[in-house]
Amino acid sequence: MSGMCAKCAQPFTSGSILTALDRKWHPDCFLCTICRCKLANQSFHVKDDSPYCTKCWKENFQPRCAIVTDGSVATAIQDGVFA
């Protein structure tokens, strides 16, 4: 195997290679940017070319309602319109 992991910069010698964000990773190196949980085999979100688990993405980046101030998370019902 050839190439280097996008996170640890170590070569791939054996085992699995995960491809995400147009880069190759050791499965143990593909982590949420905030909480560091493993993202291999689960959905993830991308912001500024960095991966995030759904929980961290919702807590940090999902639009919130400007009217309701209790921390409610907005749900997109169409482009640019949130409920």
C-alpha atoms as a PDB file:
ATOM      1  CA  MET A   1       0.000   0.000   0.000  1.00  0.00           C
ATOM      2  CA  SER A   2       1.150   3.510  -0.612  1.00  0.00           C
ATOM      3  CA  GLY A   3       0.264   6.981   0.558  1.00  0.00           C
ATOM      4  CA  MET A   4       0.055   8.736   3.876  1.00  0.00           C
ATOM      5  CA  CYS A   5      -2.808   9.283   6.314  1.00  0.00           C
ATOM      6  CA  ALA A   6      -4.304  12.794   6.189  1.00  0.00           C
ATOM      7  CA  LYS A   7      -4.281  12.998  10.010  1.00  0.00           C
ATOM      8  CA  CYS A   8      -1.165  11.272  11.332  1.00  0.00           C
ATOM      9  CA  ALA A   9       0.949  11.446   8.141  1.00  0.00           C
ATOM     10  CA  GLN A  10       1.999   7.823   8.672  1.00  0.00           C
ATOM     11  CA  PRO A  11       2.075   5.443   5.709  1.00  0.00           C
ATOM     12  CA  PHE A  12      -0.572   2.834   5.065  1.00  0.00           C
ATOM     13  CA  THR A  13       1.164  -0.488   5.591  1.00  0.00           C
ATOM     14  CA  SER A  14      -1.754  -2.872   6.003  1.00  0.00           C
ATOM     15  CA  GLY A  15      -5.388  -2.861   7.022  1.00  0.00           C
ATOM     16  CA  SER A  16      -8.193  -0.564   6.017  1.00  0.00           C
ATOM     17  CA  ILE A  17      -7.955   2.798   4.326  1.00  0.00           C
ATOM     18  CA  LEU A  18     -10.865   5.201   4.686  1.00  0.00           C
ATOM     19  CA  THR A  19     -11.416   7.749   1.935  1.00  0.00           C
ATOM     20  CA  ALA A  20     -13.289  10.932   2.883  1.00  0.00           C
ATOM     21  CA  LEU A  21     -13.034  14.620   2.006  1.00  0.00           C
ATOM     22  CA  ASP A  22     -10.880  13.684  -0.995  1.00  0.00           C
ATOM     23  CA  ARG A  23      -8.180  12.348   1.340  1.00  0.00           C
ATOM     24  CA  LYS A  24      -7.158   8.971   2.777  1.00  0.00           C
ATOM     25  CA  TRP A  25      -7.187   8.190   6.496  1.00  0.00           C
ATOM     26  CA  HIS A  26      -6.514   5.319   8.880  1.00  0.00           C
ATOM     27  CA  PRO A  27     -10.004   4.495  10.237  1.00  0.00           C
ATOM     28  CA  ASP A  28      -8.778   5.295  13.772  1.00  0.00           C
ATOM     29  CA  CYS A  29      -7.564   8.714  12.594  1.00  0.00           C
ATOM     30  CA  PHE A  30     -10.822   9.933  11.040  1.00  0.00           C
ATOM     31  CA  LEU A  31     -12.250  11.790  14.060  1.00  0.00           C
ATOM     32  CA  CYS A  32     -14.689  14.571  14.873  1.00  0.00           C
ATOM     33  CA  THR A  33     -12.772  17.841  14.995  1.00  0.00           C
ATOM     34  CA  ILE A  34     -14.379  18.808  18.325  1.00  0.00           C
ATOM     35  CA  CYS A  35     -15.072  15.733  20.475  1.00  0.00           C
ATOM     36  CA  ARG A  36     -12.587  13.372  18.745  1.00  0.00           C
ATOM     37  CA  CYS A  37     -15.108  10.495  18.407  1.00  0.00           C
ATOM     38  CA  LYS A  38     -14.417   8.058  15.582  1.00  0.00           C
ATOM     39  CA  LEU A  39     -16.338   8.854  12.409  1.00  0.00           C
ATOM     40  CA  ALA A  40     -15.583   5.684  10.442  1.00  0.00           C
ATOM     41  CA  ASN A  41     -18.824   3.909   9.482  1.00  0.00           C
ATOM     42  CA  GLN A  42     -21.124   6.763  10.521  1.00  0.00           C
ATOM     43  CA  SER A  43     -22.502   9.889   8.926  1.00  0.00           C
ATOM     44  CA  PHE A  44     -20.641  13.136   9.477  1.00  0.00           C
ATOM     45  CA  HIS A  45     -20.846  16.814   8.545  1.00  0.00           C
ATOM     46  CA  VAL A  46     -18.191  19.058   7.025  1.00  0.00           C
ATOM     47  CA  LYS A  47     -17.403  22.683   7.792  1.00  0.00           C
ATOM     48  CA  ASP A  48     -14.311  24.450   6.504  1.00  0.00           C
ATOM     49  CA  ASP A  49     -13.029  21.112   5.164  1.00  0.00           C
ATOM     50  CA  SER A  50     -13.068  19.525   8.645  1.00  0.00           C
ATOM     51  CA  PRO A  51     -15.257  16.584   9.738  1.00  0.00           C
ATOM     52  CA  TYR A  52     -17.734  16.781  12.635  1.00  0.00           C
ATOM     53  CA  CYS A  53     -20.040  14.221  14.242  1.00  0.00           C
ATOM     54  CA  THR A  54     -23.740  15.058  14.042  1.00  0.00           C
ATOM     55  CA  LYS A  55     -23.948  15.986  17.744  1.00  0.00           C
ATOM     56  CA  CYS A  56     -21.063  18.475  17.594  1.00  0.00           C
ATOM     57  CA  TRP A  57     -22.225  19.913  14.282  1.00  0.00           C
ATOM     58  CA  LYS A  58     -25.744  20.524  15.635  1.00  0.00           C
ATOM     59  CA  GLU A  59     -24.434  22.084  18.851  1.00  0.00           C
ATOM     60  CA  ASN A  60     -21.955  24.368  17.094  1.00  0.00           C
ATOM     61  CA  PHE A  61     -23.114  25.094  13.549  1.00  0.00           C
ATOM     62  CA  GLN A  62     -26.776  24.274  12.905  1.00  0.00           C
ATOM     63  CA  PRO A  63     -28.837  27.482  12.591  1.00  0.00           C
ATOM     64  CA  ARG A  64     -30.829  28.349  15.695  1.00  0.00           C
ATOM     65  CA  CYS A  65     -34.127  30.168  15.861  1.00  0.00           C
ATOM     66  CA  ALA A  66     -33.607  33.937  16.158  1.00  0.00           C
ATOM     67  CA  ILE A  67     -36.958  34.364  17.896  1.00  0.00           C
ATOM     68  CA  VAL A  68     -36.960  31.481  20.360  1.00  0.00           C
ATOM     69  CA  THR A  69     -34.120  31.932  22.853  1.00  0.00           C
ATOM     70  CA  ASP A  70     -34.312  28.582  24.644  1.00  0.00           C
ATOM     71  CA  GLY A  71     -31.649  27.025  22.425  1.00  0.00           C
ATOM     72  CA  SER A  72     -34.117  25.382  20.060  1.00  0.00           C
ATOM     73  CA  VAL A  73     -32.520  24.014  16.924  1.00  0.00           C
ATOM     74  CA  ALA A  74     -33.925  25.232  13.631  1.00  0.00           C
ATOM     75  CA  THR A  75     -35.123  22.802  11.014  1.00  0.00           C
ATOM     76  CA  ALA A  76     -34.861  23.811   7.371  1.00  0.00           C
ATOM     77  CA  ILE A  77     -38.225  23.547   5.641  1.00  0.00           C
ATOM     78  CA  GLN A  78     -36.909  25.030   2.391  1.00  0.00           C
ATOM     79  CA  ASP A  79     -33.816  26.922   1.259  1.00  0.00           C
ATOM     80  CA  GLY A  80     -33.227  29.809   3.635  1.00  0.00           C
ATOM     81  CA  VAL A  81     -36.426  29.200   5.626  1.00  0.00           C
ATOM     82  CA  PHE A  82     -36.201  27.591   9.029  1.00  0.00           C
ATOM     83  CA  ALA A  83     -38.879  26.502  11.484  1.00  0.00           C
END
